[in-house]
Protein backbone atom coordinates (compact mmCIF):
# COMPACT_ATOMS: atom_id res chain seq x y z
CA UNK A 1 -131.79 -36.38 80.57
CA UNK A 2 -130.27 -33.74 78.30
CA UNK A 3 -131.34 -35.80 75.28
CA UNK A 4 -134.95 -36.03 76.47
CA UNK A 5 -135.45 -32.24 76.84
CA UNK A 6 -135.00 -31.42 73.13
CA UNK A 7 -137.28 -34.32 72.26
CA UNK A 8 -139.99 -33.13 74.69
CA UNK A 9 -139.61 -29.55 73.45
CA UNK A 10 -140.06 -30.69 69.84
CA UNK A 11 -143.05 -32.86 70.79
CA UNK A 12 -144.66 -29.96 72.66
CA UNK A 13 -144.13 -27.59 69.69
CA UNK A 14 -145.55 -30.16 67.26
CA UNK A 15 -148.66 -30.64 69.39
CA UNK A 16 -149.07 -26.91 69.85
CA UNK A 17 -148.78 -26.14 66.12
CA UNK A 18 -151.08 -29.00 65.17
CA UNK A 19 -153.70 -27.75 67.61
CA UNK A 20 -153.49 -24.20 66.21
CA UNK A 21 -153.88 -25.24 62.59
CA UNK A 22 -156.82 -27.50 63.40
CA UNK A 23 -158.53 -24.67 65.31
CA UNK A 24 -158.07 -22.30 62.38
CA UNK A 25 -159.77 -24.68 59.96
CA UNK A 26 -162.73 -25.59 62.14
CA UNK A 27 -166.16 -25.36 60.52
CA UNK A 28 -169.17 -25.18 62.76
CA UNK A 29 -171.57 -28.08 62.20
CA UNK A 30 -174.39 -25.64 61.40
CA UNK A 31 -172.37 -24.31 58.44
CA UNK A 32 -171.91 -27.71 56.82
CA UNK A 33 -174.52 -28.70 54.21
CA UNK A 34 -176.83 -25.93 55.34
CA UNK A 35 -180.07 -25.84 53.38
CA UNK A 36 -181.08 -22.47 54.74
CA UNK A 37 -181.41 -19.74 52.14
CA UNK A 38 -178.49 -17.35 52.30
CA UNK A 39 -179.59 -13.92 53.44
CA UNK A 40 -178.32 -10.85 51.60
CA UNK A 41 -175.29 -9.23 53.23
CA UNK A 42 -176.56 -5.73 52.56
CA UNK A 43 -180.13 -5.55 53.80
CA UNK A 44 -180.77 -2.20 52.06
CA UNK A 45 -179.87 -3.74 48.71
CA UNK A 46 -182.19 -6.67 49.43
CA UNK A 47 -185.05 -4.30 50.27
CA UNK A 48 -184.47 -2.22 47.16
CA UNK A 49 -184.33 -5.37 45.05
CA UNK A 50 -187.71 -6.57 46.38
CA UNK A 51 -189.25 -3.40 44.95
CA UNK A 52 -187.61 -3.97 41.54
CA UNK A 53 -188.91 -5.95 38.62
CA UNK A 54 -186.88 -7.06 35.67
CA UNK A 55 -188.04 -5.78 32.29
CA UNK A 56 -187.16 -8.01 29.33
CA UNK A 57 -187.60 -6.62 25.83
CA UNK A 58 -187.47 -8.98 22.85
CA UNK A 59 -188.23 -7.13 19.62
CA UNK A 60 -191.56 -5.37 20.20
CA UNK A 61 -192.55 -7.71 23.06
CA UNK A 62 -192.05 -6.76 26.70
CA UNK A 63 -192.08 -9.21 29.60
CA UNK A 64 -191.75 -8.53 33.31
CA UNK A 65 -190.09 -10.83 35.81
CA UNK A 66 -189.90 -11.02 39.57
CA UNK A 67 -186.31 -11.21 40.81
CA UNK A 68 -185.25 -14.08 43.07
CA UNK A 69 -184.05 -13.36 46.60
CA UNK A 70 -180.39 -14.37 46.21
CA UNK A 71 -177.01 -12.71 45.79
CA UNK A 72 -176.94 -13.54 42.07
CA UNK A 73 -180.13 -11.56 41.44
CA UNK A 74 -178.71 -8.75 43.60
CA UNK A 75 -175.59 -8.71 41.41
CA UNK A 76 -177.76 -8.54 38.27
CA UNK A 77 -179.81 -5.74 39.81
CA UNK A 78 -176.62 -3.81 40.65
CA UNK A 79 -175.36 -4.29 37.10
CA UNK A 80 -178.65 -3.01 35.66
CA UNK A 81 -178.64 0.11 37.86
CA UNK A 82 -175.83 1.26 35.55
CA UNK A 83 -178.27 1.09 32.62
CA UNK A 84 -180.06 -1.40 30.35
CA UNK A 85 -178.11 -4.39 29.11
CA UNK A 86 -178.60 -5.59 25.51
CA UNK A 87 -177.42 -9.13 24.81
CA UNK A 88 -177.42 -11.24 21.67
CA UNK A 89 -178.82 -14.62 22.66
CA UNK A 90 -178.58 -17.88 20.74
CA UNK A 91 -180.73 -20.97 20.86
CA UNK A 92 -179.41 -23.89 22.86
CA UNK A 93 -180.93 -27.36 23.02
CA UNK A 94 -184.36 -26.31 21.79
CA UNK A 95 -185.40 -25.11 25.27
CA UNK A 96 -183.52 -21.86 26.00
CA UNK A 97 -181.78 -18.79 24.61
CA UNK A 98 -178.31 -18.11 26.02
CA UNK A 99 -176.12 -14.99 26.00
CA UNK A 100 -172.97 -13.78 27.71
CA UNK A 101 -173.07 -11.17 30.46
CA UNK A 102 -170.37 -8.46 30.51
CA UNK A 103 -169.18 -9.70 33.92
CA UNK A 104 -169.56 -12.74 36.15
CA UNK A 105 -172.21 -12.77 38.87
CA UNK A 106 -172.10 -14.68 42.14
CA UNK A 107 -173.52 -18.18 41.87
CA UNK A 108 -176.21 -19.88 43.93
CA UNK A 109 -176.38 -23.12 41.96
CA UNK A 110 -178.82 -25.82 42.92
CA UNK A 111 -180.43 -28.64 41.00
CA UNK A 112 -183.67 -27.22 39.66
CA UNK A 113 -186.24 -28.01 37.00
CA UNK A 114 -186.68 -24.92 34.86
CA UNK A 115 -190.04 -23.73 33.61
CA UNK A 116 -190.89 -21.51 30.64
CA UNK A 117 -190.15 -17.95 31.73
CA UNK A 118 -187.24 -18.73 34.04
CA UNK A 119 -184.28 -16.36 33.79
CA UNK A 120 -181.24 -18.44 34.71
CA UNK A 121 -177.56 -17.82 35.44
CA UNK A 122 -175.27 -20.56 34.19
CA UNK A 123 -171.59 -20.83 35.15
CA UNK A 124 -171.62 -17.28 36.52
CA UNK A 125 -171.48 -15.43 33.21
CA UNK A 126 -174.18 -16.92 30.96
CA UNK A 127 -177.76 -15.69 31.17
CA UNK A 128 -180.56 -17.84 29.79
CA UNK A 129 -184.24 -17.40 29.11
CA UNK A 130 -186.05 -20.73 29.22
CA UNK A 131 -189.03 -21.32 26.95
CA UNK A 132 -189.22 -25.03 27.85
CA UNK A 133 -188.10 -27.26 30.72
CA UNK A 134 -184.71 -28.63 31.75
CA UNK A 135 -183.15 -30.03 34.92
CA UNK A 136 -179.61 -29.03 35.85
CA UNK A 137 -177.52 -27.30 38.51
CA UNK A 138 -178.33 -23.65 37.86
CA UNK A 139 -179.05 -20.34 39.58
CA UNK A 140 -182.50 -18.83 39.09
CA UNK A 141 -182.27 -15.04 38.72
CA UNK A 142 -185.92 -14.27 38.01
CA UNK A 143 -189.19 -15.69 36.71
CA UNK A 144 -191.29 -14.03 34.02
CA UNK A 145 -194.70 -13.28 35.50
CA UNK A 146 -196.71 -14.01 32.35
CA UNK A 147 -194.69 -16.14 29.91
CA UNK A 148 -197.51 -16.40 27.31
CA UNK A 149 -196.00 -15.63 23.90
CA UNK A 150 -192.44 -16.01 25.14
CA UNK A 151 -191.55 -18.96 22.89
CA UNK A 152 -192.83 -17.08 19.84
CA UNK A 153 -190.88 -13.95 20.80
CA UNK A 154 -187.70 -16.03 21.07
CA UNK A 155 -188.16 -17.69 17.66
CA UNK A 156 -185.08 -17.87 15.49
CA UNK A 157 -181.50 -18.99 15.95
CA UNK A 158 -180.50 -15.62 17.42
CA UNK A 159 -182.41 -12.80 19.16
CA UNK A 160 -181.46 -9.50 20.75
CA UNK A 161 -182.78 -9.09 24.28
CA UNK A 162 -182.63 -6.00 26.46
CA UNK A 163 -182.71 -6.43 30.23
CA UNK A 164 -183.50 -3.42 32.41
CA UNK A 165 -185.10 -2.54 35.73
CA UNK A 166 -188.66 -1.30 35.80
């Protein structure tokens, strides 16, 4: 009988600890593979962002873009409230210009087909302006409202682009 007590005590402790660790790692079924759009954590930032447009200056050409409703676009908006951001962008693949942001932004990657005028975040720290199409797992930050003349403005191996808030 004395030998059974330590065994039962150990079994009880094992079951108790296993139950606790499983409860701590539980994910609600509604959280798994959710396709719902993530809502901004700070509603005031989301409201302010809806009233903002992105201004993109390439040489003497100016384009305006509507920001997406995601945390990545909110991060970009927050970064731009500190002032305009000028980035040297290089051609990639014959369909986009790519430059490096000064800091990483949150990612909301999904498989999308880009269109001319899409402003895209790639791998959290690369910003791209698409002048043609591509399909990949990316985060859309904004979409240029009137992309006419965009491809011509982005001509050349390298361009300097200034992003700011209107």
